[in-house]
Structure formats: C-alpha cells, structure tokens
Amino acid sequence: MNRRDVLAGTGAVGLASLSGCLGVLGLAEHESAPAGVDQSVLEEAGYQEIRTEPLGVEENVDLLLYSETVTVTNYLTEYDKSVDLGPLGSLRAAVFNVLTTPQVDVLGQELNPVEEMSTEEVMALVKNNYDGFSNVTHDADETVAVLDQETRMSRFSASANFDGADLDVFIHVTEAIQTSEDHLVAIGVYPEQIQGREEPNVFSLVEGVIEDAGDAE
C-alpha cells in the first residue's frame, strides 16, 4: 500500500477554480505547519515515526488577461508499528497519519474545502490517493477530542494490501479540526483481526495529537 500520497490534493481542491483574485491579493501560495503525536503516547501505543513530509500541489489558473499558479503545501506525519498477524507473520500494518492543510481565509470566507468535509468525503479522498484500498464501507461513528476540540471520527471497513498480503482492515478518519493556522485530519489503519488491541490505540493517538510536530520528539 502506497502511503506517500495520502490526501496530497487536499487544500488545492477549489482554490484553483476561484475567479483569479488569489494572486492579486498575494494569496497564491499557502503552506501548513506539520503536526504530530505526543511522544509518550506513541511509546505507550508502540508506534514509531516514519517521516514528516511536505505534500505540494500546484494548480495553474488561466484567466482572461493573465495566468497564475496557486500552490498549496500540506504536511503529512506518518507513524506505524509491527503487528503479529499469525500465519502471515509480523507486518508493519498498523498505521497512523496526521495531515495538516492550510486555512485560506479571504474576506472572512474559508476557501479550503476540507473545513466542511464529512468523514465520508475525507475517506473518499483517502481512497483516491491511497493505493490498495477497495470495498470501503462505513461502519460506525464516535465523538473524539482533538486538541481540546470535539469532532466526529468514523470507522470504515475495507480491503487493503500490505507488503503483498491482502488484509481486511479498519480505517478511522476524523473530520477536520482547526489549529492556529491550519486544518488537521487524523487517519488510523489496522487489520480487523487485531481490532481489540489497536482500536484503543487509535483513540489514544487521536487524543494525543499535538499542533507542533517538533514537540513530539
């Protein structure tokens, strides 16, 4: 399963289709700040950081008299852990991601569509940008606290492929919450057969999200 392009396009959707005022207003470039999970929470859940990386998206806008490029840089912080799957052995098949995408406010109107996305819409973006997911079905909803803000987190069941192994997995996706300058979404994935062990960890990781990824070290 390719984890490098998850939600890369979030934040660019809708921006390039504006009437061209972003460049005129000096708003053609937008970048979020990376977020993460508190180190003590990671250690208790057994997860390790893989990487924190920028996901840049450029959209060219052709206008009547000129053209401009709208650039959005999101950040994805990725964690995983090795889990025992019996006959399949140990695979790094428990994954947790924290995505940030910039707030874009023009005259009091938020233009980044992720702010209003439901978990089903966020899940659709994940599926479209995450190689190896299929048969996605919505299972349940919970209310969770992220950075002291209550938000909806949905659980989906799906089929996925990890290192050549086909697995039935659960995917937990939150609606976006606001940080000081960005929108933040958390995504947890693990095999269904270890739900009893890993679902509580996903809740702990979500509640352990911190705004500054540098503070997670």
Protein backbone atom coordinates (compact mmCIF):
# COMPACT_ATOMS: atom_id res chain seq x y z
CA MET A 1 0.00 0.00 0.00
CA ASN A 2 1.44 3.36 -1.05
CA ARG A 3 1.20 5.76 1.89
CA ARG A 4 3.10 8.69 0.40
CA ASP A 5 0.29 10.37 -1.50
CA VAL A 6 -2.50 10.30 1.07
CA LEU A 7 -4.65 13.42 0.68
CA ALA A 8 -1.94 15.21 -1.29
CA GLY A 9 -4.58 17.19 -3.14
CA THR A 10 -6.42 18.41 -0.06
CA GLY A 11 -6.39 22.19 0.10
CA ALA A 12 -5.88 22.62 -3.64
CA VAL A 13 -9.40 21.50 -4.42
CA GLY A 14 -11.48 24.60 -5.06
CA LEU A 15 -8.60 27.08 -4.81
CA ALA A 16 -7.59 26.95 -8.46
CA SER A 17 -11.18 27.39 -9.60
CA LEU A 18 -11.54 30.79 -7.94
CA SER A 19 -12.01 33.92 -10.00
CA GLY A 20 -8.27 34.66 -10.03
CA CYS A 21 -8.24 37.01 -7.07
CA LEU A 22 -5.81 34.92 -5.01
CA GLY A 23 -2.76 36.08 -6.94
CA VAL A 24 -3.92 39.68 -6.94
CA LEU A 25 -4.36 39.53 -3.17
CA GLY A 26 -0.98 37.89 -2.67
CA LEU A 27 -2.64 34.62 -1.68
CA ALA A 28 -1.33 32.34 -4.41
CA GLU A 29 0.93 30.39 -2.01
CA HIS A 30 -0.26 28.56 1.09
CA GLU A 31 1.64 26.24 3.44
CA SER A 32 0.60 24.43 6.60
CA ALA A 33 2.79 23.50 9.56
CA PRO A 34 3.43 19.84 10.41
CA ALA A 35 1.60 18.36 13.40
CA GLY A 36 2.21 15.08 15.21
CA VAL A 37 1.55 12.92 18.26
CA ASP A 38 2.96 13.32 21.76
CA GLN A 39 5.99 11.07 22.21
CA SER A 40 4.75 9.49 25.44
CA VAL A 41 1.50 8.47 23.72
CA LEU A 42 3.46 6.99 20.80
CA GLU A 43 5.65 4.95 23.13
CA GLU A 44 2.68 3.60 25.09
CA ALA A 45 0.92 2.58 21.87
CA GLY A 46 4.12 1.12 20.38
CA TYR A 47 4.22 3.34 17.28
CA GLN A 48 7.28 4.89 15.65
CA GLU A 49 7.54 7.89 13.36
CA ILE A 50 8.31 7.06 9.73
CA ARG A 51 8.56 10.56 8.32
CA THR A 52 7.16 14.05 8.24
CA GLU A 53 6.98 15.31 4.69
CA PRO A 54 5.52 18.17 2.67
CA LEU A 55 2.92 17.33 0.04
CA GLY A 56 2.98 20.12 -2.51
CA VAL A 57 0.28 20.74 -5.07
CA GLU A 58 0.34 23.31 -7.85
CA GLU A 59 -2.67 24.32 -9.92
CA ASN A 60 -2.35 26.59 -12.96
CA VAL A 61 -5.21 29.06 -13.38
CA ASP A 62 -5.78 30.54 -16.82
CA LEU A 63 -7.52 33.90 -16.62
CA LEU A 64 -8.73 36.32 -19.25
CA LEU A 65 -5.67 38.59 -19.23
CA TYR A 66 -3.07 36.50 -17.40
CA SER A 67 -2.41 33.18 -15.72
CA GLU A 68 -1.20 32.33 -12.25
CA THR A 69 -0.15 29.28 -10.25
CA VAL A 70 -1.81 28.52 -6.92
CA THR A 71 0.49 26.48 -4.67
CA VAL A 72 -0.65 24.56 -1.59
CA THR A 73 1.77 22.72 0.69
CA ASN A 74 0.25 20.24 3.13
CA TYR A 75 2.20 18.19 5.68
CA LEU A 76 1.80 14.50 6.46
CA THR A 77 3.33 12.96 9.58
CA GLU A 78 3.33 9.15 9.42
CA TYR A 79 3.67 6.53 12.15
CA ASP A 80 3.45 2.75 12.11
CA LYS A 81 4.11 -0.37 14.14
CA SER A 82 4.74 -4.05 13.51
CA VAL A 83 1.84 -6.32 14.47
CA ASP A 84 1.63 -10.11 14.75
CA LEU A 85 -0.83 -11.50 12.19
CA GLY A 86 -0.44 -15.20 12.94
CA PRO A 87 0.29 -17.22 9.79
CA LEU A 88 1.22 -14.02 7.93
CA GLY A 89 3.90 -13.25 10.48
CA SER A 90 4.70 -9.71 11.64
CA LEU A 91 3.84 -6.83 9.30
CA ARG A 92 4.03 -3.07 9.77
CA ALA A 93 0.30 -2.98 9.14
CA ALA A 94 -0.84 -0.59 11.89
CA VAL A 95 -0.56 2.95 10.56
CA PHE A 96 -1.42 6.38 11.93
CA ASN A 97 -1.23 9.62 9.92
CA VAL A 98 -1.67 13.27 10.87
CA LEU A 99 -2.37 15.59 7.95
CA THR A 100 -2.37 19.40 8.08
CA THR A 101 -3.62 21.64 5.29
CA PRO A 102 -3.61 25.46 5.44
CA GLN A 103 -6.54 27.66 6.29
CA VAL A 104 -7.20 30.09 3.44
CA ASP A 105 -9.32 32.99 4.60
CA VAL A 106 -10.36 35.70 2.15
CA LEU A 107 -12.63 38.46 3.46
CA GLY A 108 -13.79 36.18 6.28
CA GLN A 109 -14.59 33.25 4.00
CA GLU A 110 -12.68 29.98 4.36
CA LEU A 111 -11.75 28.66 0.92
CA ASN A 112 -10.12 25.36 1.87
CA PRO A 113 -12.93 22.81 1.36
CA VAL A 114 -11.60 20.36 3.94
CA GLU A 115 -13.13 22.55 6.67
CA GLU A 116 -16.64 21.43 5.69
CA MET A 117 -15.86 17.86 4.60
CA SER A 118 -17.65 14.98 6.29
CA THR A 119 -15.67 11.89 7.28
CA GLU A 120 -17.20 10.13 4.26
CA GLU A 121 -15.78 12.84 1.98
CA VAL A 122 -12.38 12.68 3.69
CA MET A 123 -12.45 8.88 3.32
CA ALA A 124 -13.16 9.28 -0.40
CA LEU A 125 -10.03 11.44 -0.70
CA VAL A 126 -8.02 8.85 1.20
CA LYS A 127 -9.24 6.07 -1.09
CA ASN A 128 -8.46 8.09 -4.21
CA ASN A 129 -4.93 8.94 -3.03
CA TYR A 130 -4.01 5.73 -1.21
CA ASP A 131 -3.05 2.80 -3.43
CA GLY A 132 -4.51 -0.53 -2.35
CA PHE A 133 -7.86 0.31 -0.70
CA SER A 134 -11.08 -1.25 -2.02
CA ASN A 135 -14.56 -2.27 -0.81
CA VAL A 136 -14.78 0.66 1.62
CA THR A 137 -17.86 0.56 3.88
CA HIS A 138 -18.91 2.95 6.65
CA ASP A 139 -19.31 1.11 9.97
CA ALA A 140 -19.65 3.46 12.93
CA ASP A 141 -19.19 6.98 14.32
CA GLU A 142 -17.67 8.25 17.55
CA THR A 143 -17.02 11.66 19.10
CA VAL A 144 -13.38 12.28 19.96
CA ALA A 145 -11.37 15.19 21.36
CA VAL A 146 -8.51 16.50 19.21
CA LEU A 147 -6.55 19.47 20.58
CA ASP A 148 -9.41 20.04 23.06
CA GLN A 149 -11.96 20.21 20.24
CA GLU A 150 -14.72 17.65 19.89
CA THR A 151 -15.10 16.20 16.41
CA ARG A 152 -16.56 13.20 14.64
CA MET A 153 -14.41 10.15 13.92
CA SER A 154 -15.80 7.44 11.65
CA ARG A 155 -14.71 3.83 11.29
CA PHE A 156 -14.71 2.24 7.84
CA SER A 157 -14.00 -1.35 6.84
CA ALA A 158 -12.01 -2.02 3.68
CA SER A 159 -9.72 -4.41 1.86
CA ALA A 160 -6.04 -3.44 1.65
CA ASN A 161 -2.68 -4.81 0.65
CA PHE A 162 0.38 -4.63 2.92
CA ASP A 163 3.68 -5.93 1.55
CA GLY A 164 1.84 -8.31 -0.80
CA ALA A 165 -0.59 -9.55 1.87
CA ASP A 166 -4.32 -8.94 1.33
CA LEU A 167 -5.99 -7.89 4.57
CA ASP A 168 -9.37 -6.75 5.82
CA VAL A 169 -8.74 -3.50 7.68
CA PHE A 170 -10.48 -0.85 9.70
CA ILE A 171 -9.83 2.80 8.86
CA HIS A 172 -10.57 5.57 11.36
CA VAL A 173 -10.93 9.07 9.88
CA THR A 174 -11.67 12.32 11.71
CA GLU A 175 -13.35 15.40 10.44
CA ALA A 176 -11.01 18.38 10.25
CA ILE A 177 -10.34 20.46 13.33
CA GLN A 178 -8.67 23.86 13.35
CA THR A 179 -5.19 24.54 14.68
CA SER A 180 -3.94 28.10 14.98
CA GLU A 181 -3.48 28.47 11.21
CA ASP A 182 -4.35 25.09 9.64
CA HIS A 183 -6.91 22.32 9.37
CA LEU A 184 -5.92 18.91 10.79
CA VAL A 185 -7.17 15.41 9.99
CA ALA A 186 -6.12 12.14 11.68
CA ILE A 187 -6.24 8.73 9.99
CA GLY A 188 -5.65 5.33 11.62
CA VAL A 189 -5.47 1.96 9.82
CA TYR A 190 -5.06 -1.58 11.23
CA PRO A 191 -6.11 -5.16 10.36
CA GLU A 192 -9.59 -6.13 11.52
CA GLN A 193 -8.28 -9.23 13.31
CA ILE A 194 -6.44 -7.07 15.86
CA GLN A 195 -9.24 -4.58 16.46
CA GLY A 196 -9.38 -5.39 20.16
CA ARG A 197 -5.76 -4.32 20.58
CA GLU A 198 -5.43 -1.49 18.08
CA GLU A 199 -8.72 0.39 18.22
CA PRO A 200 -7.96 1.72 21.74
CA ASN A 201 -4.53 2.77 20.48
CA VAL A 202 -6.08 4.78 17.64
CA PHE A 203 -8.25 6.64 20.14
CA SER A 204 -5.18 7.34 22.30
CA LEU A 205 -3.18 8.56 19.31
CA VAL A 206 -6.00 10.84 18.15
CA GLU A 207 -6.32 12.34 21.62
CA GLY A 208 -2.52 12.65 21.78
CA VAL A 209 -2.23 14.81 18.66
CA ILE A 210 -0.14 17.94 19.18
CA GLU A 211 0.00 21.02 16.98
CA ASP A 212 3.78 21.20 16.59
CA ALA A 213 5.41 18.04 15.23
CA GLY A 214 8.75 19.20 16.64
CA ASP A 215 7.36 18.91 20.15
CA ALA A 216 6.71 15.18 19.61
CA GLU A 217 10.42 14.42 19.93
